[in-house]
Amino acid sequence: MPAAARNPPRPHVRRRRFGRSRVEELPRPARAGGILTVLALPAILGFGCLHTELKASDPGEDAVLSESPAQVTLTYTTEVQLALSTVEVRATLRDATPVRAGKLAYLADDRHDVIVLPLSGPLGPGGYIVAWTTAGPDGHGLSGEFGFRVEPTMGETPDESPEAATAPVDSAERMGGAGTLATEQAVGGDSGSRFAFGLTFVRFGFYLGLLALLGATVFRLLVLGRLHRAGESREVVSYATRRTTLIAALGLGILLGSLPIRLLYQSAVFFPDNLLANLATVATGSPWAVGWWLQFVAALVAAGGLVVAGKDGARAAGWRIVAVGALLLAVVPVLSGHGWADSPRALSAVATYLHVVAAGGWVGGLSCLLLAGLPALREHGSADAVPGPGLAGMVGAFSKVAQVAVALLLATGAVKVWIHVESLSDLWTTAWGRSLLVKDLVVAAVLALGFYNWRFVRPVLERSPRFGLIRSPAMVEMLLGVVAVAVTAYLVSQPLS
């Protein structure tokens, strides 16, 4: 039989259908210009990351007052969340009880960066500690304390009526080591709490669930849908769809299961001594709370979509509903992390959102390719399958999604780094910067493997489709992606300052 009859030009047809990316890409100068424009935006607009810290207080740190203050005023560098704030004033005695005080409030409706604690009565002479806890716009817990003294001038006697806030205290117990008031101010984030590992683990689980749901949605609608229209066998598409549905259901289960755990941990950060009684407080009145409720609602929407899609996931209408839920869930990290603390907030929020969606499309979609797409081809297809796009077609269809996702990740990641890193030394002098360097190294390795798969493996698959060519490098790429997600979970728990 002639060679032309034994080898019909079908691979050439597949390349026209699934290999057009090199022809349809923007010219390199246009791509470079677009990337440079995105990277230059922070410098043009004068971005800045807003670190939440205590900027000033009245009384001031180590202040010596001639009379008792009527209130304690704390001014922060950003807006703070009143629902997650506490302020206590106590004498510098061991196990001293807090002095009587009124209700903590904002200074004014338009000054949410200043909180005020009115004192119920005058303080007696001696040393006092102000201990405070609050949360910045990103929802991270911050705490600190500082001291001041009340020393009435000669001849003045403070009110010692029952309304007085404290009883006199022994001067030796009021003083620190060398005759100075014992004062300490420490500002930390969630990573500095005793629940640091649990918080990071819960975030890691949330991100894995979100990436699984986003990736399954992208793979079902943009990859398997394209293969179906290109003529892939019904058996391959159906088998891959069923396994993709299982991946989506697993991700959804993680997202729903993490809801009560996230709430408990958030309450433990701010109210460790009575976390159950403060669940309602944590779940209301803050951007983090909005994100928590959004996770609940969006997860229900996605669950409804999976029900409509059916056990085999065959109904595309159901997957469109799942897509709505998944895209809403991608807003949750914006409200529960650094994205809500940056300036300008709108641009930072958009960059964070697109970063999350792109990561889900790439890493989550790659997981579906390995765990659903390739098993379907092995079970019901052939590496040399004719008719149908086969292995090369499936990898090519996913490659188109991955290219867009990687471009978004690079652009939005550059914007976020430019916002957060005020100076190059921040990358090795701060915990956040060091974590970012680790993440960047892992992501660089993932990008290198992705480039290798796209540039070298994919063209070979068109000529000689073998599962081994793509399975091993793609598996390493996916595992490195999971490591990057774990580092990100730790990274977002770190204070930016």
Protein backbone atom coordinates (compact mmCIF):
# COMPACT_ATOMS: atom_id res chain seq x y z
CA MET A 1 0.00 0.00 0.00
CA PRO A 2 1.39 3.45 -0.83
CA ALA A 3 2.64 5.53 2.08
CA ALA A 4 0.10 8.24 1.36
CA ALA A 5 -2.75 5.72 1.67
CA ARG A 6 -1.39 4.31 4.92
CA ASN A 7 -0.92 7.78 6.45
CA PRO A 8 -3.82 10.05 5.50
CA PRO A 9 -3.20 13.76 6.12
CA ARG A 10 -5.43 13.84 9.24
CA PRO A 11 -2.66 15.04 11.56
CA HIS A 12 -2.29 18.05 9.29
CA VAL A 13 -6.03 18.74 9.67
CA ARG A 14 -5.71 18.49 13.45
CA ARG A 15 -2.89 20.98 13.43
CA ARG A 16 -5.08 23.43 11.58
CA ARG A 17 -7.88 22.97 14.11
CA PHE A 18 -5.88 22.86 17.32
CA GLY A 19 -2.50 24.36 16.46
CA ARG A 20 -3.46 27.85 15.32
CA SER A 21 -2.07 29.59 18.40
CA ARG A 22 1.25 30.41 16.75
CA VAL A 23 -0.55 31.99 13.78
CA GLU A 24 -3.20 33.82 15.79
CA GLU A 25 -0.90 35.22 18.47
CA LEU A 26 -0.29 38.94 18.56
CA PRO A 27 3.01 40.04 17.04
CA ARG A 28 5.86 39.97 19.55
CA PRO A 29 6.27 43.76 19.62
CA ALA A 30 2.57 44.13 20.43
CA ARG A 31 2.74 41.52 23.18
CA ALA A 32 5.84 43.11 24.68
CA GLY A 33 4.28 46.56 24.52
CA GLY A 34 1.14 45.34 26.27
CA ILE A 35 3.12 43.66 29.05
CA LEU A 36 5.33 46.71 29.57
CA THR A 37 2.25 48.94 29.75
CA VAL A 38 0.75 46.75 32.48
CA LEU A 39 4.03 46.65 34.41
CA ALA A 40 4.43 50.42 34.14
CA LEU A 41 0.99 51.18 35.58
CA PRO A 42 2.12 51.07 39.23
CA ALA A 43 4.85 53.62 38.58
CA ILE A 44 2.52 55.84 36.54
CA LEU A 45 -0.30 55.81 39.06
CA GLY A 46 1.88 55.89 42.16
CA PHE A 47 0.69 52.71 43.81
CA GLY A 48 1.32 52.09 47.47
CA CYS A 49 0.62 49.28 49.88
CA LEU A 50 -1.16 50.37 53.01
CA HIS A 51 0.36 48.65 56.05
CA THR A 52 -1.92 48.68 59.05
CA GLU A 53 0.05 49.83 62.09
CA LEU A 54 -0.58 51.93 65.15
CA LYS A 55 0.47 55.44 64.09
CA ALA A 56 -0.35 57.49 67.20
CA SER A 57 -2.12 57.25 70.52
CA ASP A 58 -3.48 59.54 73.19
CA PRO A 59 -2.13 59.00 75.81
CA GLY A 60 1.12 58.44 73.97
CA GLU A 61 3.52 55.62 74.59
CA ASP A 62 5.48 56.17 77.85
CA ALA A 63 3.61 59.44 78.44
CA VAL A 64 3.52 60.87 81.99
CA LEU A 65 0.20 62.63 82.63
CA SER A 66 -0.56 65.10 85.40
CA GLU A 67 -4.22 64.07 85.38
CA SER A 68 -6.29 61.09 84.38
CA PRO A 69 -7.26 60.90 80.68
CA ALA A 70 -10.97 60.84 79.86
CA GLN A 71 -10.50 58.39 76.99
CA VAL A 72 -7.93 56.42 75.03
CA THR A 73 -7.61 57.29 71.33
CA LEU A 74 -5.77 55.04 68.88
CA THR A 75 -4.92 56.20 65.35
CA TYR A 76 -3.87 53.66 62.70
CA THR A 77 -2.27 53.98 59.30
CA THR A 78 -5.34 52.50 57.59
CA GLU A 79 -9.00 51.97 58.35
CA VAL A 80 -9.59 49.24 60.92
CA GLN A 81 -12.52 46.94 61.56
CA LEU A 82 -14.40 47.99 64.68
CA ALA A 83 -16.23 44.66 65.01
CA LEU A 84 -12.87 42.89 65.40
CA SER A 85 -11.29 45.49 67.70
CA THR A 86 -10.77 45.42 71.46
CA VAL A 87 -9.00 47.90 73.75
CA GLU A 88 -8.28 47.35 77.45
CA VAL A 89 -6.62 49.59 80.01
CA ARG A 90 -5.23 47.91 83.10
CA ALA A 91 -2.83 48.76 85.87
CA THR A 92 0.65 47.33 85.51
CA LEU A 93 -0.01 44.66 88.10
CA ARG A 94 0.19 40.98 87.44
CA ASP A 95 -3.29 39.68 86.60
CA ALA A 96 -4.75 43.17 86.97
CA THR A 97 -8.35 43.40 85.78
CA PRO A 98 -9.17 45.95 83.06
CA VAL A 99 -10.44 49.32 84.24
CA ARG A 100 -14.07 50.20 83.68
CA ALA A 101 -14.69 51.69 80.28
CA GLY A 102 -17.45 52.59 77.86
CA LYS A 103 -18.16 51.23 74.40
CA LEU A 104 -15.40 51.26 71.82
CA ALA A 105 -16.31 53.40 68.80
CA TYR A 106 -14.90 55.12 65.74
CA LEU A 107 -13.84 58.73 66.19
CA ALA A 108 -16.35 59.77 63.50
CA ASP A 109 -18.36 58.27 60.65
CA ASP A 110 -15.67 59.36 58.20
CA ARG A 111 -12.69 58.44 60.41
CA HIS A 112 -12.53 54.68 60.54
CA ASP A 113 -8.78 54.85 61.09
CA VAL A 114 -9.27 56.16 64.66
CA ILE A 115 -10.97 54.27 67.50
CA VAL A 116 -11.85 55.72 70.89
CA LEU A 117 -12.36 53.99 74.27
CA PRO A 118 -14.05 56.31 76.83
CA LEU A 119 -13.04 55.64 80.44
CA SER A 120 -15.82 55.36 83.02
CA GLY A 121 -13.90 57.14 85.77
CA PRO A 122 -10.58 58.75 86.63
CA LEU A 123 -7.48 56.63 86.96
CA GLY A 124 -5.52 56.58 90.19
CA PRO A 125 -1.83 57.48 90.24
CA GLY A 126 0.48 54.84 88.83
CA GLY A 127 1.37 52.98 85.68
CA TYR A 128 -1.08 51.60 83.14
CA ILE A 129 -0.96 49.36 80.07
CA VAL A 130 -3.16 49.81 77.00
CA ALA A 131 -3.60 46.46 75.22
CA TRP A 132 -5.32 46.55 71.84
CA THR A 133 -6.36 44.15 69.11
CA THR A 134 -7.77 45.06 65.73
CA ALA A 135 -7.89 44.04 62.08
CA GLY A 136 -6.87 46.03 59.05
CA PRO A 137 -8.78 46.06 55.76
CA ASP A 138 -7.26 42.68 54.82
CA GLY A 139 -8.77 40.97 57.89
CA HIS A 140 -5.44 40.03 59.45
CA GLY A 141 -5.28 40.20 63.21
CA LEU A 142 -3.05 42.91 64.73
CA SER A 143 -2.27 43.44 68.39
CA GLY A 144 -0.01 45.47 70.60
CA GLU A 145 0.36 47.24 73.92
CA PHE A 146 2.01 50.32 75.33
CA GLY A 147 2.24 52.00 78.72
CA PHE A 148 1.72 55.41 80.29
CA ARG A 149 1.74 56.88 83.82
CA VAL A 150 -0.58 59.12 85.80
CA GLU A 151 1.35 61.31 88.23
CA PRO A 152 -0.76 64.15 89.70
CA THR A 153 1.14 67.35 90.47
CA MET A 154 1.92 68.13 94.12
CA GLY A 155 -1.18 69.01 96.10
CA GLU A 156 -3.65 67.39 93.70
CA THR A 157 -5.51 64.30 94.83
CA PRO A 158 -7.36 62.18 92.28
CA ASP A 159 -10.94 61.13 92.87
CA GLU A 160 -10.99 57.91 94.87
CA SER A 161 -14.77 57.52 94.89
CA PRO A 162 -16.42 54.19 93.96
CA GLU A 163 -16.55 55.52 90.42
CA ALA A 164 -12.77 55.56 90.23
CA ALA A 165 -11.55 53.08 87.69
CA THR A 166 -8.78 51.49 89.73
CA ALA A 167 -7.43 51.21 93.25
CA PRO A 168 -3.96 52.52 94.12
CA VAL A 169 -1.16 50.15 93.26
CA ASP A 170 2.25 49.64 94.77
CA SER A 171 4.89 51.65 92.95
CA ALA A 172 7.36 48.73 92.83
CA GLU A 173 4.77 46.65 90.97
CA ARG A 174 3.98 49.50 88.58
CA MET A 175 7.57 49.89 87.49
CA GLY A 176 9.63 47.84 85.11
CA GLY A 177 13.21 46.69 85.43
CA ALA A 178 15.36 49.84 85.85
CA GLY A 179 12.69 52.07 87.30
CA THR A 180 10.99 52.66 83.96
CA LEU A 181 7.49 51.73 83.00
CA ALA A 182 7.38 48.28 81.47
CA THR A 183 6.21 48.97 77.91
CA GLU A 184 5.92 46.74 74.90
CA GLN A 185 4.37 47.29 71.53
CA ALA A 186 4.16 44.42 69.11
CA VAL A 187 2.24 44.41 65.86
CA GLY A 188 1.80 41.04 64.24
CA GLY A 189 -0.40 39.21 61.79
CA ASP A 190 -2.23 35.90 61.80
CA SER A 191 1.12 34.17 61.41
CA GLY A 192 2.14 35.39 64.81
CA SER A 193 -0.82 33.83 66.62
CA ARG A 194 -0.95 30.42 68.25
CA PHE A 195 -3.32 29.34 65.46
CA ALA A 196 -0.83 30.14 62.67
CA PHE A 197 -0.48 26.58 61.33
CA GLY A 198 -4.22 25.95 61.45
CA LEU A 199 -4.99 29.20 59.66
CA THR A 200 -2.46 28.45 56.93
CA PHE A 201 -3.80 24.92 56.54
CA VAL A 202 -7.40 26.16 56.26
CA ARG A 203 -6.36 28.69 53.63
CA PHE A 204 -4.48 25.96 51.75
CA GLY A 205 -7.59 23.78 51.75
CA PHE A 206 -9.73 26.69 50.56
CA TYR A 207 -7.36 27.44 47.68
CA LEU A 208 -7.21 23.77 46.65
CA GLY A 209 -11.00 23.55 46.64
CA LEU A 210 -11.30 26.76 44.64
CA LEU A 211 -8.68 25.69 42.09
CA ALA A 212 -10.37 22.30 41.68
CA LEU A 213 -13.76 23.92 41.03
CA LEU A 214 -12.38 26.59 38.69
CA GLY A 215 -10.19 24.11 36.84
CA ALA A 216 -13.01 21.60 36.41
CA THR A 217 -15.30 24.30 35.04
CA VAL A 218 -12.67 25.53 32.59
CA PHE A 219 -11.78 21.99 31.48
CA ARG A 220 -15.40 20.95 30.98
CA LEU A 221 -16.54 24.05 29.09
CA LEU A 222 -13.43 25.16 27.20
CA VAL A 223 -11.49 21.93 26.63
CA LEU A 224 -13.96 19.04 26.52
CA GLY A 225 -16.57 21.21 24.84
CA ARG A 226 -14.07 22.10 22.12
CA LEU A 227 -13.06 18.46 21.69
CA HIS A 228 -16.70 17.42 21.35
CA ARG A 229 -17.27 19.99 18.62
CA ALA A 230 -14.06 18.87 16.88
CA GLY A 231 -15.33 15.30 16.60
CA GLU A 232 -13.83 13.47 19.57
CA SER A 233 -15.59 10.21 20.38
CA ARG A 234 -18.58 10.35 22.68
CA GLU A 235 -17.06 7.73 24.96
CA VAL A 236 -13.90 9.76 25.57
CA VAL A 237 -15.80 13.00 26.23
CA SER A 238 -18.35 11.30 28.51
CA TYR A 239 -15.72 9.48 30.56
CA ALA A 240 -13.63 12.63 30.95
CA THR A 241 -16.73 14.64 31.87
CA ARG A 242 -17.71 12.19 34.62
CA ARG A 243 -14.25 12.35 36.17
CA THR A 244 -14.20 16.14 35.84
CA THR A 245 -17.54 16.27 37.66
CA LEU A 246 -16.03 14.24 40.51
CA ILE A 247 -13.11 16.68 40.75
CA ALA A 248 -15.55 19.60 40.87
CA ALA A 249 -17.63 17.86 43.55
CA LEU A 250 -14.49 17.19 45.61
CA GLY A 251 -13.45 20.84 45.38
CA LEU A 252 -16.95 21.96 46.33
CA GLY A 253 -16.94 19.62 49.33
CA ILE A 254 -13.67 21.15 50.55
CA LEU A 255 -15.08 24.66 50.14
CA LEU A 256 -18.25 23.85 52.07
CA GLY A 257 -16.37 21.92 54.74
CA SER A 258 -13.94 24.76 55.32
CA LEU A 259 -16.71 27.28 56.04
CA PRO A 260 -17.25 26.50 59.75
CA ILE A 261 -13.52 25.90 60.28
CA ARG A 262 -12.65 29.32 58.81
CA LEU A 263 -15.21 30.97 61.07
CA LEU A 264 -13.89 29.23 64.18
CA TYR A 265 -10.29 30.12 63.43
CA GLN A 266 -11.13 33.76 62.71
CA SER A 267 -12.97 33.97 66.02
CA ALA A 268 -10.02 32.32 67.77
CA VAL A 269 -7.63 34.95 66.42
CA PHE A 270 -9.59 37.89 67.85
CA PHE A 271 -11.44 36.29 70.77
CA PRO A 272 -9.28 33.36 71.91
CA ASP A 273 -10.81 33.25 75.38
CA ASN A 274 -14.42 33.04 74.22
CA LEU A 275 -14.46 32.19 70.55
CA LEU A 276 -17.85 30.41 70.42
CA ALA A 277 -19.67 33.37 71.95
CA ASN A 278 -18.19 35.70 69.33
CA LEU A 279 -18.97 33.74 66.16
CA ALA A 280 -21.78 36.16 65.26
CA THR A 281 -19.45 39.12 65.81
CA VAL A 282 -16.83 37.68 63.47
CA ALA A 283 -19.44 36.80 60.84
CA THR A 284 -20.78 40.36 60.59
CA GLY A 285 -19.52 43.87 60.10
CA SER A 286 -16.26 43.36 58.20
CA PRO A 287 -15.00 42.66 54.65
CA TRP A 288 -13.82 39.25 55.87
CA ALA A 289 -17.39 38.49 56.97
CA VAL A 290 -18.71 39.51 53.55
CA GLY A 291 -16.21 37.11 51.99
CA TRP A 292 -17.30 34.32 54.33
CA TRP A 293 -20.97 34.74 53.43
CA LEU A 294 -20.05 35.03 49.75
CA GLN A 295 -18.24 31.70 49.98
CA PHE A 296 -21.37 30.16 51.47
CA VAL A 297 -23.73 31.55 48.81
CA ALA A 298 -21.40 30.93 45.86
CA ALA A 299 -20.76 27.35 46.97
CA LEU A 300 -24.52 26.75 47.05
CA VAL A 301 -24.81 28.20 43.53
CA ALA A 302 -22.07 25.88 42.30
CA ALA A 303 -23.71 22.93 44.05
CA GLY A 304 -26.98 23.74 42.30
CA GLY A 305 -25.13 23.82 38.99
CA LEU A 306 -23.68 20.37 39.56
CA VAL A 307 -27.16 19.07 40.34
CA VAL A 308 -28.45 20.51 37.07
CA ALA A 309 -25.45 19.09 35.19
CA GLY A 310 -26.37 15.62 36.41
CA LYS A 311 -24.28 12.75 37.79
CA ASP A 312 -22.50 12.34 34.48
CA GLY A 313 -22.06 16.11 34.07
CA ALA A 314 -23.52 15.99 30.59
CA ARG A 315 -25.75 19.09 30.73
CA ALA A 316 -23.76 22.14 29.71
CA ALA A 317 -26.37 24.47 31.25
CA GLY A 318 -25.50 23.12 34.68
CA TRP A 319 -21.81 23.82 34.11
CA ARG A 320 -22.60 27.41 33.22
CA ILE A 321 -24.24 27.76 36.63
CA VAL A 322 -21.18 26.15 38.21
CA ALA A 323 -19.07 28.73 36.38
CA VAL A 324 -21.08 31.56 37.96
CA GLY A 325 -20.52 30.07 41.42
CA ALA A 326 -16.80 29.49 40.78
CA LEU A 327 -16.27 33.05 39.54
CA LEU A 328 -18.05 34.41 42.61
CA LEU A 329 -15.88 32.26 44.86
CA ALA A 330 -12.79 33.85 43.31
CA VAL A 331 -13.86 37.13 44.95
CA VAL A 332 -13.44 35.63 48.45
CA PRO A 333 -9.60 35.89 48.52
CA VAL A 334 -9.95 39.56 47.55
CA LEU A 335 -12.06 40.29 50.64
CA SER A 336 -10.04 38.07 52.96
CA GLY A 337 -6.48 39.03 52.11
CA HIS A 338 -4.01 41.70 51.12
CA GLY A 339 -6.01 42.69 48.05
CA TRP A 340 -8.40 44.71 50.20
CA ALA A 341 -5.59 46.63 51.93
CA ASP A 342 -3.77 48.01 48.90
CA SER A 343 -4.05 51.40 47.27
CA PRO A 344 -5.69 51.98 44.88
CA ARG A 345 -8.03 49.34 46.21
CA ALA A 346 -10.09 48.85 43.04
CA LEU A 347 -7.10 48.04 40.84
CA SER A 348 -5.56 45.80 43.49
CA ALA A 349 -8.85 43.93 43.90
CA VAL A 350 -9.16 43.38 40.14
CA ALA A 351 -5.54 42.18 39.90
CA THR A 352 -6.04 39.77 42.82
CA TYR A 353 -9.28 38.44 41.35
CA LEU A 354 -7.79 37.82 37.89
CA HIS A 355 -4.73 36.23 39.51
CA VAL A 356 -6.91 33.72 41.35
CA VAL A 357 -9.02 32.93 38.27
CA ALA A 358 -5.92 32.46 36.12
CA ALA A 359 -4.30 30.14 38.70
CA GLY A 360 -7.49 28.07 38.82
CA GLY A 361 -7.71 27.84 35.04
CA TRP A 362 -4.08 26.77 34.72
CA VAL A 363 -3.27 24.55 37.72
CA GLY A 364 -6.84 23.32 38.20
CA GLY A 365 -7.27 22.68 34.48
CA LEU A 366 -3.94 20.85 34.32
CA SER A 367 -5.11 18.60 37.18
CA CYS A 368 -8.25 17.75 35.21
CA LEU A 369 -6.17 17.02 32.11
CA LEU A 370 -4.08 14.53 34.09
CA LEU A 371 -6.84 13.01 36.23
CA ALA A 372 -9.75 13.07 33.77
CA GLY A 373 -8.63 13.74 30.20
CA LEU A 374 -5.70 11.35 29.85
CA PRO A 375 -7.48 8.45 31.64
CA ALA A 376 -10.43 8.91 29.26
CA LEU A 377 -8.16 8.61 26.23
CA ARG A 378 -6.42 5.55 27.70
CA GLU A 379 -9.75 3.90 28.56
CA HIS A 380 -11.77 4.65 25.44
CA GLY A 381 -9.38 6.02 22.86
CA SER A 382 -6.01 5.33 21.38
CA ALA A 383 -2.90 7.42 21.22
CA ASP A 384 -3.14 7.06 17.44
CA ALA A 385 -6.91 7.57 17.44
CA VAL A 386 -8.47 8.30 14.05
CA PRO A 387 -11.03 9.83 13.79
CA GLY A 388 -11.01 12.45 16.57
CA PRO A 389 -8.49 14.98 17.81
CA GLY A 390 -7.00 12.47 20.24
CA LEU A 391 -4.14 13.20 22.61
CA ALA A 392 -2.61 16.00 20.56
CA GLY A 393 -5.99 17.67 20.21
CA MET A 394 -6.74 17.52 23.95
CA VAL A 395 -3.32 18.88 24.90
CA GLY A 396 -3.61 21.56 22.22
CA ALA A 397 -7.04 22.65 23.44
CA PHE A 398 -5.80 22.94 27.01
CA SER A 399 -2.66 24.74 25.81
CA LYS A 400 -4.80 27.60 24.52
CA VAL A 401 -6.39 28.00 27.96
CA ALA A 402 -3.02 27.75 29.68
CA GLN A 403 -1.46 30.46 27.51
CA VAL A 404 -4.15 32.97 28.47
CA ALA A 405 -3.94 31.96 32.14
CA VAL A 406 -0.15 32.29 32.26
CA ALA A 407 -0.27 35.72 30.62
CA LEU A 408 -2.80 36.87 33.23
CA LEU A 409 -0.75 35.39 36.08
CA LEU A 410 2.41 37.18 34.98
CA ALA A 411 0.72 40.54 34.46
CA THR A 412 -1.36 40.53 37.64
CA GLY A 413 1.48 39.06 39.69
CA ALA A 414 3.79 41.86 38.54
CA VAL A 415 1.21 44.48 39.51
CA LYS A 416 0.73 42.95 42.97
CA VAL A 417 4.47 42.73 43.65
CA TRP A 418 4.97 46.31 42.52
CA ILE A 419 2.26 47.42 44.92
CA HIS A 420 3.53 45.45 47.89
CA VAL A 421 7.30 45.76 47.59
CA GLU A 422 8.25 49.31 48.48
CA SER A 423 11.98 48.61 48.18
CA LEU A 424 14.03 45.71 46.86
CA SER A 425 15.40 44.98 50.33
CA ASP A 426 11.85 44.08 51.47
CA LEU A 427 12.31 40.79 49.62
CA TRP A 428 14.87 39.54 52.13
CA THR A 429 14.33 41.72 55.22
CA THR A 430 10.64 40.90 55.82
CA ALA A 431 8.90 37.58 56.38
CA TRP A 432 6.43 38.45 53.64
CA GLY A 433 9.21 39.26 51.17
CA ARG A 434 11.08 36.03 51.88
CA SER A 435 7.87 34.04 51.43
CA LEU A 436 7.30 35.85 48.14
CA LEU A 437 10.78 34.89 46.94
CA VAL A 438 10.08 31.24 47.70
CA LYS A 439 6.78 31.45 45.84
CA ASP A 440 8.45 33.14 42.86
CA LEU A 441 11.06 30.38 42.65
CA VAL A 442 8.38 27.69 42.69
CA VAL A 443 6.26 29.53 40.13
CA ALA A 444 9.35 30.01 37.93
CA ALA A 445 9.87 26.24 37.97
CA VAL A 446 6.21 25.69 37.06
CA LEU A 447 6.48 28.20 34.22
CA ALA A 448 9.63 26.52 32.92
CA LEU A 449 7.90 23.14 32.83
CA GLY A 450 4.82 24.67 31.23
CA PHE A 451 6.96 26.30 28.57
CA TYR A 452 8.73 23.00 27.93
CA ASN A 453 5.41 21.17 27.55
CA TRP A 454 4.04 23.85 25.22
CA ARG A 455 7.12 24.48 23.12
CA PHE A 456 8.62 21.00 22.82
CA VAL A 457 6.18 18.30 23.97
CA ARG A 458 3.04 19.55 22.21
CA PRO A 459 4.57 19.64 18.69
CA VAL A 460 6.00 16.12 19.17
CA LEU A 461 2.56 14.86 20.22
CA GLU A 462 1.15 15.97 16.89
CA ARG A 463 3.65 13.76 15.10
CA SER A 464 3.89 10.90 17.59
CA PRO A 465 1.09 10.92 20.22
CA ARG A 466 2.38 9.01 23.27
CA PHE A 467 1.00 9.42 26.77
CA GLY A 468 4.42 9.17 28.37
CA LEU A 469 5.58 12.32 26.60
CA ILE A 470 3.12 14.55 28.45
CA ARG A 471 2.20 12.61 31.59
CA SER A 472 5.46 12.86 33.57
CA PRO A 473 6.34 16.53 32.95
CA ALA A 474 2.71 17.56 33.40
CA MET A 475 2.53 15.65 36.69
CA VAL A 476 5.62 17.46 38.01
CA GLU A 477 4.15 20.75 36.80
CA MET A 478 0.92 20.06 38.69
CA LEU A 479 2.73 19.06 41.90
CA LEU A 480 4.83 22.22 41.78
CA GLY A 481 1.62 24.16 41.27
CA VAL A 482 0.24 22.62 44.48
CA VAL A 483 3.44 23.64 46.29
CA ALA A 484 2.95 27.19 44.98
CA VAL A 485 -0.58 27.15 46.39
CA ALA A 486 0.76 26.04 49.79
CA VAL A 487 3.31 28.86 49.79
CA THR A 488 0.58 31.31 48.82
CA ALA A 489 -1.55 30.14 51.75
CA TYR A 490 1.35 30.94 54.06
CA LEU A 491 2.14 34.18 52.23
CA VAL A 492 -1.30 35.72 52.66
CA SER A 493 -1.14 35.04 56.40
CA GLN A 494 1.98 37.18 56.71
CA PRO A 495 1.70 40.87 57.62
CA LEU A 496 2.96 43.08 54.82
CA SER A 497 5.05 45.26 57.10
